[in-house]
């Protein structure tokens, strides 16, 4: 099976592993009441280096996530709290 992603041979050859050139993401599907026709993006306030998202999967579940260059897990936990989600 071929390796893919940011540490693959192709990514290395393209220079994607250069310092500060990659984003690391964190996401999860969470149980959360929502309008299944509304997709949300959060710029700046949640994830200063990129953006965060909340994409409905159905009326009871949302895929939330964000990307950052350094600390996606810490920002992700703050984002979960902001949305009123428990750990």
C-alpha atoms as a PDB file:
ATOM      1  CA  UNK A   1       0.000   0.000   0.000  1.00  0.00           C
ATOM      2  CA  UNK A   2       1.367   3.435  -0.915  1.00  0.00           C
ATOM      3  CA  UNK A   3       1.974   5.969   1.822  1.00  0.00           C
ATOM      4  CA  UNK A   4      -0.044   9.179   1.515  1.00  0.00           C
ATOM      5  CA  UNK A   5      -0.340  12.365   3.517  1.00  0.00           C
ATOM      6  CA  UNK A   6       2.089  15.031   4.690  1.00  0.00           C
ATOM      7  CA  UNK A   7       4.972  12.628   5.328  1.00  0.00           C
ATOM      8  CA  UNK A   8       4.682  10.687   2.065  1.00  0.00           C
ATOM      9  CA  UNK A   9       7.534  10.588  -0.469  1.00  0.00           C
ATOM     10  CA  UNK A  10       5.509  12.822  -2.806  1.00  0.00           C
ATOM     11  CA  UNK A  11       4.943  15.436  -0.063  1.00  0.00           C
ATOM     12  CA  UNK A  12       8.663  15.354   0.791  1.00  0.00           C
ATOM     13  CA  UNK A  13       9.638  15.787  -2.863  1.00  0.00           C
ATOM     14  CA  UNK A  14       7.227  18.716  -3.221  1.00  0.00           C
ATOM     15  CA  UNK A  15       8.697  20.432  -0.155  1.00  0.00           C
ATOM     16  CA  UNK A  16       5.537  20.220   1.955  1.00  0.00           C
ATOM     17  CA  UNK A  17       7.543  19.295   5.036  1.00  0.00           C
ATOM     18  CA  UNK A  18       9.425  22.586   5.008  1.00  0.00           C
ATOM     19  CA  UNK A  19       9.210  24.351   8.364  1.00  0.00           C
ATOM     20  CA  UNK A  20       5.854  26.091   8.779  1.00  0.00           C
ATOM     21  CA  UNK A  21       4.494  24.765   5.493  1.00  0.00           C
ATOM     22  CA  UNK A  22       1.999  22.213   6.848  1.00  0.00           C
ATOM     23  CA  UNK A  23      -1.205  22.299   8.856  1.00  0.00           C
ATOM     24  CA  UNK A  24      -2.246  19.629  11.339  1.00  0.00           C
ATOM     25  CA  UNK A  25      -5.929  18.918  11.764  1.00  0.00           C
ATOM     26  CA  UNK A  26      -8.192  17.592  14.483  1.00  0.00           C
ATOM     27  CA  UNK A  27     -11.799  16.561  13.933  1.00  0.00           C
ATOM     28  CA  UNK A  28     -14.540  14.377  15.326  1.00  0.00           C
ATOM     29  CA  UNK A  29     -18.159  13.504  14.744  1.00  0.00           C
ATOM     30  CA  UNK A  30     -20.125  14.631  17.782  1.00  0.00           C
ATOM     31  CA  UNK A  31     -23.717  14.289  18.891  1.00  0.00           C
ATOM     32  CA  UNK A  32     -25.209  17.755  18.685  1.00  0.00           C
ATOM     33  CA  UNK A  33     -28.642  19.040  17.725  1.00  0.00           C
ATOM     34  CA  UNK A  34     -28.341  21.110  14.555  1.00  0.00           C
ATOM     35  CA  UNK A  35     -29.946  22.295  11.363  1.00  0.00           C
ATOM     36  CA  UNK A  36     -28.708  19.715   8.852  1.00  0.00           C
ATOM     37  CA  UNK A  37     -28.749  22.285   6.039  1.00  0.00           C
ATOM     38  CA  UNK A  38     -26.352  24.748   7.740  1.00  0.00           C
ATOM     39  CA  UNK A  39     -22.569  24.429   7.408  1.00  0.00           C
ATOM     40  CA  UNK A  40     -20.536  26.722   9.659  1.00  0.00           C
ATOM     41  CA  UNK A  41     -16.990  28.025   9.393  1.00  0.00           C
ATOM     42  CA  UNK A  42     -15.165  29.973  12.085  1.00  0.00           C
ATOM     43  CA  UNK A  43     -12.344  32.307  11.062  1.00  0.00           C
ATOM     44  CA  UNK A  44      -9.856  33.889  13.461  1.00  0.00           C
ATOM     45  CA  UNK A  45     -11.662  33.657  16.768  1.00  0.00           C
ATOM     46  CA  UNK A  46     -11.471  29.869  17.123  1.00  0.00           C
ATOM     47  CA  UNK A  47      -8.407  29.015  15.085  1.00  0.00           C
ATOM     48  CA  UNK A  48      -6.151  32.039  14.498  1.00  0.00           C
ATOM     49  CA  UNK A  49      -3.933  30.346  11.895  1.00  0.00           C
ATOM     50  CA  UNK A  50      -6.618  28.840   9.660  1.00  0.00           C
ATOM     51  CA  UNK A  51     -10.305  28.081  10.352  1.00  0.00           C
ATOM     52  CA  UNK A  52     -12.625  25.671  12.119  1.00  0.00           C
ATOM     53  CA  UNK A  53     -15.729  23.963  10.749  1.00  0.00           C
ATOM     54  CA  UNK A  54     -18.990  22.375  11.799  1.00  0.00           C
ATOM     55  CA  UNK A  55     -20.563  20.246   9.074  1.00  0.00           C
ATOM     56  CA  UNK A  56     -23.824  18.427   9.795  1.00  0.00           C
ATOM     57  CA  UNK A  57     -23.965  14.705   9.058  1.00  0.00           C
ATOM     58  CA  UNK A  58     -27.632  14.476  10.025  1.00  0.00           C
ATOM     59  CA  UNK A  59     -30.015  16.190  12.480  1.00  0.00           C
ATOM     60  CA  UNK A  60     -28.210  14.719  15.501  1.00  0.00           C
ATOM     61  CA  UNK A  61     -24.534  14.595  14.464  1.00  0.00           C
ATOM     62  CA  UNK A  62     -21.995  17.204  13.374  1.00  0.00           C
ATOM     63  CA  UNK A  63     -18.432  16.779  12.112  1.00  0.00           C
ATOM     64  CA  UNK A  64     -16.387  19.475  13.848  1.00  0.00           C
ATOM     65  CA  UNK A  65     -12.746  20.212  13.234  1.00  0.00           C
ATOM     66  CA  UNK A  66      -9.961  22.709  12.699  1.00  0.00           C
ATOM     67  CA  UNK A  67      -6.433  23.019  11.400  1.00  0.00           C
ATOM     68  CA  UNK A  68      -3.389  24.699  12.916  1.00  0.00           C
ATOM     69  CA  UNK A  69       0.359  24.761  12.426  1.00  0.00           C
ATOM     70  CA  UNK A  70       1.267  23.996  16.052  1.00  0.00           C
ATOM     71  CA  UNK A  71      -1.458  23.182  18.593  1.00  0.00           C
ATOM     72  CA  UNK A  72      -4.590  21.731  16.984  1.00  0.00           C
ATOM     73  CA  UNK A  73      -5.491  19.555  19.987  1.00  0.00           C
ATOM     74  CA  UNK A  74      -5.522  22.447  22.463  1.00  0.00           C
ATOM     75  CA  UNK A  75      -7.527  24.629  20.060  1.00  0.00           C
ATOM     76  CA  UNK A  76      -9.874  21.727  19.346  1.00  0.00           C
ATOM     77  CA  UNK A  77     -10.653  21.302  23.055  1.00  0.00           C
ATOM     78  CA  UNK A  78     -11.370  25.047  23.330  1.00  0.00           C
ATOM     79  CA  UNK A  79     -13.621  24.792  20.258  1.00  0.00           C
ATOM     80  CA  UNK A  80     -15.546  21.892  21.830  1.00  0.00           C
ATOM     81  CA  UNK A  81     -16.105  23.983  24.962  1.00  0.00           C
ATOM     82  CA  UNK A  82     -17.246  26.946  22.874  1.00  0.00           C
ATOM     83  CA  UNK A  83     -19.861  24.704  21.239  1.00  0.00           C
ATOM     84  CA  UNK A  84     -21.018  23.517  24.658  1.00  0.00           C
ATOM     85  CA  UNK A  85     -19.741  19.962  24.210  1.00  0.00           C
ATOM     86  CA  UNK A  86     -18.473  17.818  27.058  1.00  0.00           C
ATOM     87  CA  UNK A  87     -15.134  16.022  26.763  1.00  0.00           C
END
